[in-house]
Amino acid sequence: MGLDAVCVHGHFYQPPREDPLSGLIPDEMGAQPYHNWNERIHKECYQPNAEAGNFEKISFNIGPTLFRWIELHDPKTYQAIISQERNNFDRHGVGNGMAQAYNHIILPLANKRDKVTQIKWGIADFDHRFGHKPLGIWLPETAVDIETLSYLADNGIKFTMLAPWQIEDHEKLDLDQPYLVNLPGEREPMIIFIYHQGLSTSVSFQSEATRNAEYFVDHWITSAVSSKDSPSDRMTLIASDGELYGHHKTFRDKFLSHLLNGALHHRNFDITYPGLWLIDHQPTEFVQISEYTSWSCHHGIMRWMGECGCTVDADWKAPLRWAMDKLSEELDHQYQAFVSQYTRRIWQLRNEYIHVFLGETDLKSLLKQFINKSLTKKELSKIGMILAAQYERQRMFTSCGWFFDRFHRIEPQNNIAYAAQATWLTEQVTGEQIKSRALAVLKKVKDSHTGLRGDTVFAERYQRIKDFSEENISYFNESSKIST
């Protein structure tokens, strides 16, 4: 018999709750006794799991926008998570953390340039925090297409994780092994780890399964593994939202701790993670992915572009996607026209802008790498503002804006606020009047339940940033401070 190993993956992510202009999270109903849901989830999940050392023994990713909030809110927990991941990297040469596409956008719905930017920004954020390059990336909602996998490979990423139904003919496969996916051109194949559907579902949705770690190993994991005799080493992957462990399900942080520190060892299961597993278990068999699928919706990626069976009567979604696509085309056109006066590498500049936002360099130093002439203070300010507009432009497509069924929720409201900020900043630089075009396309966005329209939300948010700028114009003169 071969080695039996178990890997638990936690996808830690929350929709951005910060007010898009002030960067502060308002008090939120239902989060009591805490001021907002970030604080409550942090106390119930991120902090106790870090204190228990769980981040050292699982595979995990943390959304960059969430991790930045944790850094500012609780530096001790932030450093504990980093230290636990670094312990594995220093011990084995491969860490157990995975990067994530930066703004949690649905990559198959993004254009090619945005795919590249999101991947590069996600890698840069991970490297900045953990001090080493990631081997894997978590795709938002695990939404996948071949083009996205190709850009992962172009940027040094070796693997990602998918649900079983995202693999063609998965019923015929041994899912306790990683597989390879061929990519176009001369690229190396992408490695795919496939999570165990039954175990992952039980952890996520069946409270009884996770009341006791010993019971879970005996009655769930052992049954799943023993049902398939194999002389080969096997890795059983259990994947879920990381917030499950303590927030979605009370005390499951303690369940996870005992699972990792006692129950699995008592039954002679090894604990592993993808990077460590690949040291001695390189895949050799190839599979084909089912493109435009995700782990959280069985309607492919329709949830983030229109109505689906999971969000019935969400008739505002398709018009919002269309409006955001049209507005982003206009913003990109204005960005390209302005910045091309200074450099031809305009999209490479956008990709590198993340290092200014992370505080690794300043704008002036970054621009010296792309522009071979001295810039006036006014030119420097304008280029900074239009790069900040492109940062907002990326935030417009945060997937959370389409996930739920109601338009009046904070998530779609924030996406439109990002659009308003991107529009206002671009107008200040170029002098072009983009607002009227934005209102025209967003007018088609209407919630049939409340009558709330997208152009109404945009106009209010646009006016707010305009009023704010008149009192705080210096706020925008240093582009690295935008949205902080």
Protein backbone atom coordinates (compact mmCIF):
# COMPACT_ATOMS: atom_id res chain seq x y z
CA MET A 1 0.00 0.00 0.00
CA GLY A 2 1.16 3.51 -0.74
CA LEU A 3 1.23 6.57 1.46
CA ASP A 4 -2.10 8.21 2.28
CA ALA A 5 -1.88 11.97 2.79
CA VAL A 6 -4.50 14.61 3.44
CA CYS A 7 -4.39 18.27 2.47
CA VAL A 8 -6.87 20.82 3.81
CA HIS A 9 -7.10 24.01 1.75
CA GLY A 10 -8.67 27.18 3.09
CA HIS A 11 -9.69 29.95 0.70
CA PHE A 12 -9.69 33.02 2.92
CA TYR A 13 -11.45 35.96 1.33
CA GLN A 14 -14.05 38.61 2.09
CA PRO A 15 -15.71 41.14 -0.21
CA PRO A 16 -14.12 44.59 0.26
CA ARG A 17 -16.26 46.40 2.82
CA GLU A 18 -14.26 49.62 3.02
CA ASP A 19 -15.93 52.79 1.86
CA PRO A 20 -14.30 53.21 -1.57
CA LEU A 21 -13.41 56.85 -0.90
CA SER A 22 -12.43 57.02 2.76
CA GLY A 23 -11.02 53.50 3.03
CA LEU A 24 -12.92 53.01 6.30
CA ILE A 25 -15.49 50.32 7.01
CA PRO A 26 -18.78 51.76 8.28
CA ASP A 27 -20.66 50.19 11.19
CA GLU A 28 -22.60 47.20 9.88
CA MET A 29 -25.86 45.76 11.12
CA GLY A 30 -25.63 42.20 12.35
CA ALA A 31 -21.93 42.32 13.18
CA GLN A 32 -22.51 43.11 16.86
CA PRO A 33 -20.77 43.18 19.25
CA TYR A 34 -18.20 44.28 16.66
CA HIS A 35 -18.36 47.38 14.49
CA ASN A 36 -18.34 45.51 11.18
CA TRP A 37 -18.21 42.05 9.66
CA ASN A 38 -14.47 42.17 9.03
CA GLU A 39 -13.84 42.64 12.75
CA ARG A 40 -16.26 39.89 13.69
CA ILE A 41 -14.94 37.36 11.17
CA HIS A 42 -11.39 38.22 12.19
CA LYS A 43 -12.13 37.50 15.86
CA GLU A 44 -13.99 34.29 15.05
CA CYS A 45 -11.70 32.93 12.34
CA TYR A 46 -8.42 34.56 11.29
CA GLN A 47 -7.10 35.34 14.77
CA PRO A 48 -7.92 32.00 16.49
CA ASN A 49 -6.63 29.96 13.56
CA ALA A 50 -3.39 31.92 13.60
CA GLU A 51 -3.07 31.51 17.37
CA ALA A 52 -3.61 27.75 17.01
CA GLY A 53 -0.90 27.51 14.34
CA ASN A 54 -3.35 26.13 11.80
CA PHE A 55 -1.95 28.23 8.95
CA GLU A 56 1.27 26.24 9.13
CA LYS A 57 -0.44 22.90 8.51
CA ILE A 58 -2.97 23.68 5.80
CA SER A 59 -2.75 24.90 2.24
CA PHE A 60 -4.25 28.37 2.03
CA ASN A 61 -4.67 31.58 0.11
CA ILE A 62 -5.70 34.94 1.50
CA GLY A 63 -7.20 37.56 -0.79
CA PRO A 64 -4.77 40.52 -1.06
CA THR A 65 -7.41 43.09 -0.15
CA LEU A 66 -8.40 41.11 2.95
CA PHE A 67 -4.80 40.49 3.99
CA ARG A 68 -4.05 44.18 3.74
CA TRP A 69 -6.95 44.85 6.11
CA ILE A 70 -5.61 42.25 8.56
CA GLU A 71 -2.16 43.88 8.36
CA LEU A 72 -3.60 47.25 9.35
CA HIS A 73 -6.13 45.94 11.88
CA ASP A 74 -4.08 43.27 13.68
CA PRO A 75 -0.34 43.24 12.84
CA LYS A 76 0.27 40.41 15.32
CA THR A 77 -2.08 38.02 13.53
CA TYR A 78 -0.78 39.19 10.17
CA GLN A 79 2.81 38.40 11.16
CA ALA A 80 1.81 35.07 12.69
CA ILE A 81 0.24 33.91 9.41
CA ILE A 82 3.33 34.96 7.47
CA SER A 83 5.69 33.29 9.95
CA GLN A 84 3.78 30.02 9.83
CA GLU A 85 3.95 29.93 6.04
CA ARG A 86 7.63 30.91 6.06
CA ASN A 87 8.40 28.05 8.44
CA ASN A 88 7.38 25.62 5.71
CA PHE A 89 9.27 27.50 3.04
CA ASP A 90 12.46 27.59 5.12
CA ARG A 91 12.06 23.91 6.05
CA HIS A 92 11.15 22.45 2.65
CA GLY A 93 12.02 25.10 0.07
CA VAL A 94 8.32 25.35 -0.86
CA GLY A 95 5.65 27.18 1.10
CA ASN A 96 2.05 26.20 1.78
CA GLY A 97 0.55 29.56 0.76
CA MET A 98 -0.96 30.25 -2.65
CA ALA A 99 -1.39 33.61 -4.31
CA GLN A 100 -4.73 34.87 -5.63
CA ALA A 101 -5.71 37.03 -8.58
CA TYR A 102 -5.55 40.45 -6.94
CA ASN A 103 -9.08 41.88 -7.04
CA HIS A 104 -10.96 38.57 -7.10
CA ILE A 105 -12.33 39.16 -10.58
CA ILE A 106 -13.72 36.34 -12.74
CA LEU A 107 -10.74 35.85 -15.00
CA PRO A 108 -12.49 34.09 -17.92
CA LEU A 109 -14.71 37.19 -18.24
CA ALA A 110 -11.73 39.56 -18.27
CA ASN A 111 -9.87 40.77 -21.34
CA LYS A 112 -6.32 39.59 -21.92
CA ARG A 113 -4.65 42.66 -20.44
CA ASP A 114 -6.72 42.46 -17.27
CA LYS A 115 -5.95 38.77 -16.83
CA VAL A 116 -2.24 39.55 -16.94
CA THR A 117 -2.55 42.52 -14.58
CA GLN A 118 -4.57 40.56 -12.02
CA ILE A 119 -2.11 37.67 -12.07
CA LYS A 120 0.97 39.89 -11.86
CA TRP A 121 -0.53 42.01 -9.08
CA GLY A 122 -1.51 38.88 -7.13
CA ILE A 123 1.99 37.42 -7.43
CA ALA A 124 3.60 40.73 -6.46
CA ASP A 125 1.37 41.06 -3.39
CA PHE A 126 2.19 37.53 -2.25
CA ASP A 127 5.93 38.02 -2.74
CA HIS A 128 5.77 41.34 -0.89
CA ARG A 129 4.15 39.75 2.14
CA PHE A 130 5.64 36.26 2.34
CA GLY A 131 9.07 37.02 0.91
CA HIS A 132 9.08 34.39 -1.82
CA LYS A 133 7.38 33.66 -5.11
CA PRO A 134 4.23 31.51 -5.08
CA LEU A 135 4.10 28.21 -6.91
CA GLY A 136 0.30 28.18 -7.07
CA ILE A 137 -2.54 30.63 -7.56
CA TRP A 138 -6.13 30.33 -6.43
CA LEU A 139 -8.40 31.40 -9.27
CA PRO A 140 -11.35 33.48 -7.96
CA GLU A 141 -14.35 31.15 -7.71
CA THR A 142 -11.96 28.68 -9.43
CA ALA A 143 -13.35 30.09 -12.70
CA VAL A 144 -11.08 28.82 -15.44
CA ASP A 145 -10.26 28.89 -19.13
CA ILE A 146 -7.17 27.88 -21.10
CA GLU A 147 -6.12 31.48 -21.70
CA THR A 148 -6.01 32.13 -17.95
CA LEU A 149 -3.95 28.99 -17.33
CA SER A 150 -1.58 30.10 -20.10
CA TYR A 151 -0.96 33.45 -18.43
CA LEU A 152 -0.40 31.69 -15.10
CA ALA A 153 2.31 29.61 -16.76
CA ASP A 154 3.84 32.71 -18.37
CA ASN A 155 4.28 34.15 -14.89
CA GLY A 156 5.94 31.13 -13.31
CA ILE A 157 2.87 29.57 -11.70
CA LYS A 158 3.01 25.77 -11.59
CA PHE A 159 -0.40 24.72 -10.25
CA THR A 160 -3.94 25.66 -9.31
CA MET A 161 -6.95 23.87 -7.78
CA LEU A 162 -10.27 22.99 -9.39
CA ALA A 163 -13.51 21.22 -8.54
CA PRO A 164 -14.05 17.74 -9.99
CA TRP A 165 -16.78 18.90 -12.40
CA GLN A 166 -14.31 21.35 -13.93
CA ILE A 167 -12.44 18.39 -15.43
CA GLU A 168 -13.75 16.51 -18.47
CA ASP A 169 -14.64 12.87 -17.72
CA HIS A 170 -13.67 13.28 -14.10
CA GLU A 171 -15.77 10.26 -13.17
CA LYS A 172 -13.15 8.02 -14.80
CA LEU A 173 -10.19 9.56 -12.97
CA ASP A 174 -8.39 8.89 -9.72
CA LEU A 175 -8.81 12.30 -8.12
CA ASP A 176 -6.25 11.60 -5.39
CA GLN A 177 -3.51 12.60 -7.83
CA PRO A 178 -2.71 15.88 -9.59
CA TYR A 179 -2.94 16.04 -13.37
CA LEU A 180 -1.48 18.03 -16.24
CA VAL A 181 -3.26 20.30 -18.70
CA ASN A 182 -1.64 21.04 -22.05
CA LEU A 183 -1.24 24.72 -22.89
CA PRO A 184 -0.75 26.37 -26.29
CA GLY A 185 2.67 27.37 -27.60
CA GLU A 186 5.85 26.20 -25.96
CA ARG A 187 4.49 26.53 -22.44
CA GLU A 188 4.95 23.86 -19.81
CA PRO A 189 1.68 22.13 -18.84
CA MET A 190 -0.26 23.45 -15.86
CA ILE A 191 -0.65 21.15 -12.86
CA ILE A 192 -4.20 20.77 -11.54
CA PHE A 193 -5.09 19.56 -8.05
CA ILE A 194 -8.70 18.37 -7.82
CA TYR A 195 -10.46 18.50 -4.49
CA HIS A 196 -12.56 15.66 -3.12
CA GLN A 197 -16.16 16.62 -3.71
CA GLY A 198 -17.78 14.51 -0.98
CA LEU A 199 -15.38 15.51 1.79
CA SER A 200 -15.30 19.16 0.80
CA THR A 201 -19.08 19.31 0.64
CA SER A 202 -19.45 17.63 4.02
CA VAL A 203 -17.02 20.08 5.64
CA SER A 204 -18.76 23.05 4.08
CA PHE A 205 -22.42 22.18 4.47
CA GLN A 206 -22.96 19.30 6.91
CA SER A 207 -22.46 20.54 10.45
CA GLU A 208 -22.71 17.07 11.93
CA ALA A 209 -19.67 15.89 9.97
CA THR A 210 -17.31 18.36 11.65
CA ARG A 211 -18.51 18.28 15.24
CA ASN A 212 -15.70 15.88 16.14
CA ALA A 213 -12.37 15.54 14.33
CA GLU A 214 -11.87 11.89 15.32
CA TYR A 215 -15.34 11.05 13.99
CA PHE A 216 -14.66 12.92 10.77
CA VAL A 217 -11.46 10.96 10.13
CA ASP A 218 -13.03 7.60 11.00
CA HIS A 219 -16.37 7.97 9.24
CA TRP A 220 -15.59 10.34 6.41
CA ILE A 221 -11.93 10.46 5.40
CA THR A 222 -11.13 6.80 6.06
CA SER A 223 -14.24 5.69 4.18
CA ALA A 224 -13.39 7.89 1.21
CA VAL A 225 -9.81 6.65 1.02
CA SER A 226 -10.38 2.95 1.76
CA SER A 227 -12.99 2.70 -0.98
CA LYS A 228 -10.15 2.80 -3.52
CA ASP A 229 -7.22 0.43 -2.95
CA SER A 230 -4.07 1.66 -4.63
CA PRO A 231 -0.36 0.83 -4.39
CA SER A 232 0.45 4.45 -5.24
CA ASP A 233 0.81 7.34 -2.84
CA ARG A 234 -2.41 9.36 -2.67
CA MET A 235 -3.27 12.88 -1.60
CA THR A 236 -6.85 13.62 -0.63
CA LEU A 237 -7.61 17.33 -0.97
CA ILE A 238 -10.37 18.95 1.09
CA ALA A 239 -11.14 22.53 0.01
CA SER A 240 -13.55 25.09 1.42
CA ASP A 241 -13.89 28.74 2.34
CA GLY A 242 -11.42 29.40 5.13
CA GLU A 243 -14.05 31.36 7.05
CA LEU A 244 -15.81 28.06 7.66
CA TYR A 245 -13.31 27.38 10.45
CA GLY A 246 -14.76 29.47 13.26
CA HIS A 247 -17.05 31.96 11.55
CA HIS A 248 -19.51 30.11 9.32
CA LYS A 249 -19.39 27.21 11.78
CA THR A 250 -18.70 27.91 15.44
CA PHE A 251 -15.71 26.13 17.05
CA ARG A 252 -14.56 24.66 13.72
CA ASP A 253 -11.19 26.36 14.25
CA LYS A 254 -10.79 23.92 17.16
CA PHE A 255 -12.03 21.07 14.96
CA LEU A 256 -9.38 21.99 12.40
CA SER A 257 -6.66 22.19 15.05
CA HIS A 258 -7.44 18.72 16.40
CA LEU A 259 -7.78 17.31 12.90
CA LEU A 260 -4.27 18.54 12.06
CA ASN A 261 -2.59 17.84 15.38
CA GLY A 262 -4.21 14.63 16.53
CA ALA A 263 -6.95 12.87 14.61
CA LEU A 264 -5.11 12.43 11.31
CA HIS A 265 -1.89 11.33 13.02
CA HIS A 266 -3.76 8.77 15.12
CA ARG A 267 -4.90 7.09 11.89
CA ASN A 268 -1.47 7.32 10.19
CA PHE A 269 -2.44 9.92 7.63
CA ASP A 270 0.31 12.27 6.55
CA ILE A 271 -0.47 15.98 6.29
CA THR A 272 0.76 17.70 3.16
CA TYR A 273 0.18 20.61 0.78
CA PRO A 274 0.54 20.90 -3.02
CA GLY A 275 4.07 22.34 -3.24
CA LEU A 276 5.40 19.73 -0.82
CA TRP A 277 3.55 16.90 -2.56
CA LEU A 278 5.02 17.82 -5.92
CA ILE A 279 8.59 17.37 -4.69
CA ASP A 280 8.18 13.58 -4.89
CA HIS A 281 4.97 13.23 -6.90
CA GLN A 282 5.17 14.92 -10.27
CA PRO A 283 2.07 14.17 -12.37
CA THR A 284 2.37 12.41 -15.71
CA GLU A 285 -1.22 12.02 -16.91
CA PHE A 286 -3.10 14.70 -18.86
CA VAL A 287 -6.70 15.89 -18.58
CA GLN A 288 -8.85 18.50 -20.25
CA ILE A 289 -10.58 21.24 -18.31
CA SER A 290 -14.21 22.25 -18.73
CA GLU A 291 -13.77 25.90 -19.60
CA TYR A 292 -15.94 28.69 -18.16
CA THR A 293 -16.84 26.70 -15.04
CA SER A 294 -16.50 27.52 -11.34
CA TRP A 295 -16.65 25.82 -7.95
CA SER A 296 -19.45 27.90 -6.43
CA CYS A 297 -22.07 27.75 -9.17
CA HIS A 298 -23.04 24.82 -11.38
CA HIS A 299 -24.21 27.22 -14.08
CA GLY A 300 -20.65 27.86 -15.25
CA ILE A 301 -19.81 31.53 -14.88
CA MET A 302 -23.28 32.81 -15.71
CA ARG A 303 -23.71 34.01 -12.11
CA TRP A 304 -21.22 36.84 -12.80
CA MET A 305 -22.66 37.94 -16.12
CA GLY A 306 -26.43 37.46 -15.84
CA GLU A 307 -29.26 35.54 -14.22
CA CYS A 308 -28.78 31.89 -13.29
CA GLY A 309 -30.66 29.36 -11.21
CA CYS A 310 -28.73 30.45 -8.11
CA THR A 311 -29.84 34.09 -8.37
CA VAL A 312 -33.27 34.10 -9.97
CA ASP A 313 -34.72 37.50 -10.99
CA ALA A 314 -31.36 39.24 -10.76
CA ASP A 315 -32.15 41.01 -14.01
CA TRP A 316 -29.69 43.83 -13.25
CA LYS A 317 -26.61 41.63 -13.57
CA ALA A 318 -26.28 41.41 -17.35
CA PRO A 319 -26.76 45.18 -17.87
CA LEU A 320 -24.21 45.88 -15.13
CA ARG A 321 -21.64 43.58 -16.75
CA TRP A 322 -22.27 45.21 -20.13
CA ALA A 323 -22.04 48.72 -18.65
CA MET A 324 -18.79 47.97 -16.84
CA ASP A 325 -17.28 46.48 -19.99
CA LYS A 326 -18.23 49.56 -22.03
CA LEU A 327 -16.97 51.99 -19.42
CA SER A 328 -13.70 50.10 -18.98
CA GLU A 329 -13.10 50.29 -22.74
CA GLU A 330 -13.46 54.07 -22.59
CA LEU A 331 -11.21 54.38 -19.54
CA ASP A 332 -8.56 52.19 -21.17
CA HIS A 333 -8.73 54.26 -24.35
CA GLN A 334 -8.16 57.45 -22.39
CA TYR A 335 -5.33 55.87 -20.41
CA GLN A 336 -3.64 54.62 -23.55
CA ALA A 337 -3.96 57.94 -25.35
CA PHE A 338 -2.49 59.90 -22.45
CA VAL A 339 0.31 57.63 -21.28
CA SER A 340 1.50 56.79 -24.82
CA GLN A 341 2.78 60.37 -24.98
CA TYR A 342 5.47 59.27 -22.54
CA THR A 343 6.08 55.56 -23.15
CA ARG A 344 5.04 52.77 -25.47
CA ARG A 345 5.08 50.26 -22.60
CA ILE A 346 1.83 51.53 -21.17
CA TRP A 347 0.40 48.20 -20.00
CA GLN A 348 3.70 47.05 -18.53
CA LEU A 349 3.65 50.30 -16.55
CA ARG A 350 0.20 49.47 -15.21
CA ASN A 351 1.37 46.00 -14.23
CA GLU A 352 4.32 47.44 -12.31
CA TYR A 353 2.23 50.11 -10.60
CA ILE A 354 1.31 47.60 -7.90
CA HIS A 355 4.81 48.06 -6.43
CA VAL A 356 3.98 51.72 -5.76
CA PHE A 357 0.74 50.73 -4.09
CA LEU A 358 2.60 48.19 -1.95
CA GLY A 359 5.08 50.86 -0.90
CA GLU A 360 8.07 49.06 -2.42
CA THR A 361 8.94 52.06 -4.58
CA ASP A 362 7.64 55.55 -5.26
CA LEU A 363 5.96 56.80 -8.40
CA LYS A 364 8.90 58.88 -9.55
CA SER A 365 11.30 55.94 -9.32
CA LEU A 366 8.88 53.67 -11.15
CA LEU A 367 8.38 56.14 -14.01
CA LYS A 368 12.15 56.44 -14.51
CA GLN A 369 12.08 52.83 -15.65
CA PHE A 370 9.62 53.65 -18.41
CA ILE A 371 10.10 57.31 -19.36
CA ASN A 372 13.42 58.66 -20.66
CA LYS A 373 12.89 62.33 -19.92
CA SER A 374 12.46 64.58 -16.94
CA LEU A 375 8.89 65.10 -15.84
CA THR A 376 7.43 68.26 -14.40
CA LYS A 377 5.61 68.08 -11.10
CA LYS A 378 2.33 68.49 -12.97
CA GLU A 379 3.14 65.66 -15.39
CA LEU A 380 4.15 63.39 -12.53
CA SER A 381 0.88 64.14 -10.75
CA LYS A 382 -1.22 63.48 -13.84
CA ILE A 383 0.44 60.17 -14.63
CA GLY A 384 -0.01 59.16 -11.01
CA MET A 385 -3.69 60.03 -11.11
CA ILE A 386 -4.39 58.10 -14.28
CA LEU A 387 -2.56 55.08 -12.89
CA ALA A 388 -4.70 55.40 -9.77
CA ALA A 389 -7.72 55.48 -12.08
CA GLN A 390 -6.57 52.18 -13.55
CA TYR A 391 -6.34 50.72 -10.06
CA GLU A 392 -9.97 51.72 -9.54
CA ARG A 393 -10.75 50.34 -13.00
CA GLN A 394 -9.60 46.92 -11.86
CA ARG A 395 -11.72 47.10 -8.71
CA MET A 396 -14.83 47.70 -10.84
CA PHE A 397 -14.89 44.00 -11.69
CA THR A 398 -14.61 42.55 -8.17
CA SER A 399 -16.66 39.36 -8.46
CA CYS A 400 -18.65 40.04 -5.29
CA GLY A 401 -20.58 42.73 -7.17
CA TRP A 402 -22.38 40.02 -9.12
CA PHE A 403 -22.47 37.16 -6.63
CA PHE A 404 -25.68 37.96 -4.77
CA ASP A 405 -29.20 38.47 -6.10
CA ARG A 406 -29.96 42.02 -4.89
CA PHE A 407 -28.60 45.16 -6.49
CA HIS A 408 -28.96 47.33 -3.39
CA ARG A 409 -26.30 45.32 -1.48
CA ILE A 410 -22.97 46.92 -0.64
CA GLU A 411 -21.01 44.80 -3.15
CA PRO A 412 -22.50 46.11 -6.43
CA GLN A 413 -22.73 49.58 -4.91
CA ASN A 414 -18.99 49.52 -4.25
CA ASN A 415 -18.22 48.34 -7.77
CA ILE A 416 -20.08 51.33 -9.15
CA ALA A 417 -18.29 53.60 -6.68
CA TYR A 418 -14.97 52.30 -8.02
CA ALA A 419 -16.22 53.10 -11.53
CA ALA A 420 -17.11 56.65 -10.46
CA GLN A 421 -13.68 57.16 -8.95
CA ALA A 422 -11.94 55.78 -12.04
CA THR A 423 -14.05 58.10 -14.21
CA TRP A 424 -13.42 61.22 -12.12
CA LEU A 425 -9.67 60.64 -11.91
CA THR A 426 -9.39 60.02 -15.65
CA GLU A 427 -11.36 63.18 -16.41
CA GLN A 428 -9.05 65.30 -14.24
CA VAL A 429 -6.06 64.10 -16.26
CA THR A 430 -7.43 64.09 -19.80
CA GLY A 431 -10.11 66.78 -19.72
CA GLU A 432 -12.48 64.38 -21.48
CA GLN A 433 -16.08 64.24 -20.25
CA ILE A 434 -16.67 60.55 -19.52
CA LYS A 435 -19.38 60.92 -16.90
CA SER A 436 -22.22 61.32 -19.41
CA ARG A 437 -21.19 58.14 -21.22
CA ALA A 438 -21.04 56.27 -17.92
CA LEU A 439 -24.52 57.45 -16.96
CA ALA A 440 -25.87 56.40 -20.35
CA VAL A 441 -24.70 52.80 -20.06
CA LEU A 442 -25.54 52.47 -16.36
CA LYS A 443 -29.08 53.75 -16.92
CA LYS A 444 -29.92 50.30 -18.25
CA VAL A 445 -29.07 48.77 -14.86
CA LYS A 446 -32.29 48.59 -12.86
CA ASP A 447 -33.34 46.42 -9.95
CA SER A 448 -36.86 45.19 -10.64
CA HIS A 449 -37.48 44.74 -6.90
CA THR A 450 -36.53 48.23 -5.71
CA GLY A 451 -36.39 50.32 -8.88
CA LEU A 452 -32.86 51.43 -7.99
CA ARG A 453 -30.84 52.29 -11.12
CA GLY A 454 -27.14 52.13 -11.80
CA ASP A 455 -26.90 55.69 -13.09
CA THR A 456 -28.45 56.97 -9.86
CA VAL A 457 -25.82 55.21 -7.79
CA PHE A 458 -23.03 56.39 -10.10
CA ALA A 459 -24.17 60.02 -10.02
CA GLU A 460 -24.28 60.06 -6.22
CA ARG A 461 -20.83 58.48 -5.89
CA TYR A 462 -19.36 60.73 -8.59
CA GLN A 463 -20.65 63.84 -6.81
CA ARG A 464 -19.25 62.57 -3.54
CA ILE A 465 -15.73 62.18 -4.90
CA LYS A 466 -16.01 65.58 -6.60
CA ASP A 467 -17.01 67.26 -3.35
CA PHE A 468 -14.31 65.41 -1.46
CA SER A 469 -11.63 66.43 -3.96
CA GLU A 470 -12.43 70.11 -3.66
CA GLU A 471 -11.60 69.92 0.03
CA ASN A 472 -8.77 67.40 -0.19
CA ILE A 473 -7.14 67.86 -3.58
CA SER A 474 -3.72 67.02 -2.12
CA TYR A 475 -5.09 63.55 -1.41
CA PHE A 476 -4.90 62.79 -5.12
CA ASN A 477 -1.53 64.37 -5.83
CA GLU A 478 0.26 61.27 -4.56
CA SER A 479 -1.25 58.43 -6.53
CA SER A 480 0.14 55.75 -4.25
CA LYS A 481 -2.24 56.98 -1.54
CA ILE A 482 -5.37 56.52 -3.57
CA SER A 483 -7.84 54.14 -1.93
CA THR A 484 -5.69 53.68 1.14
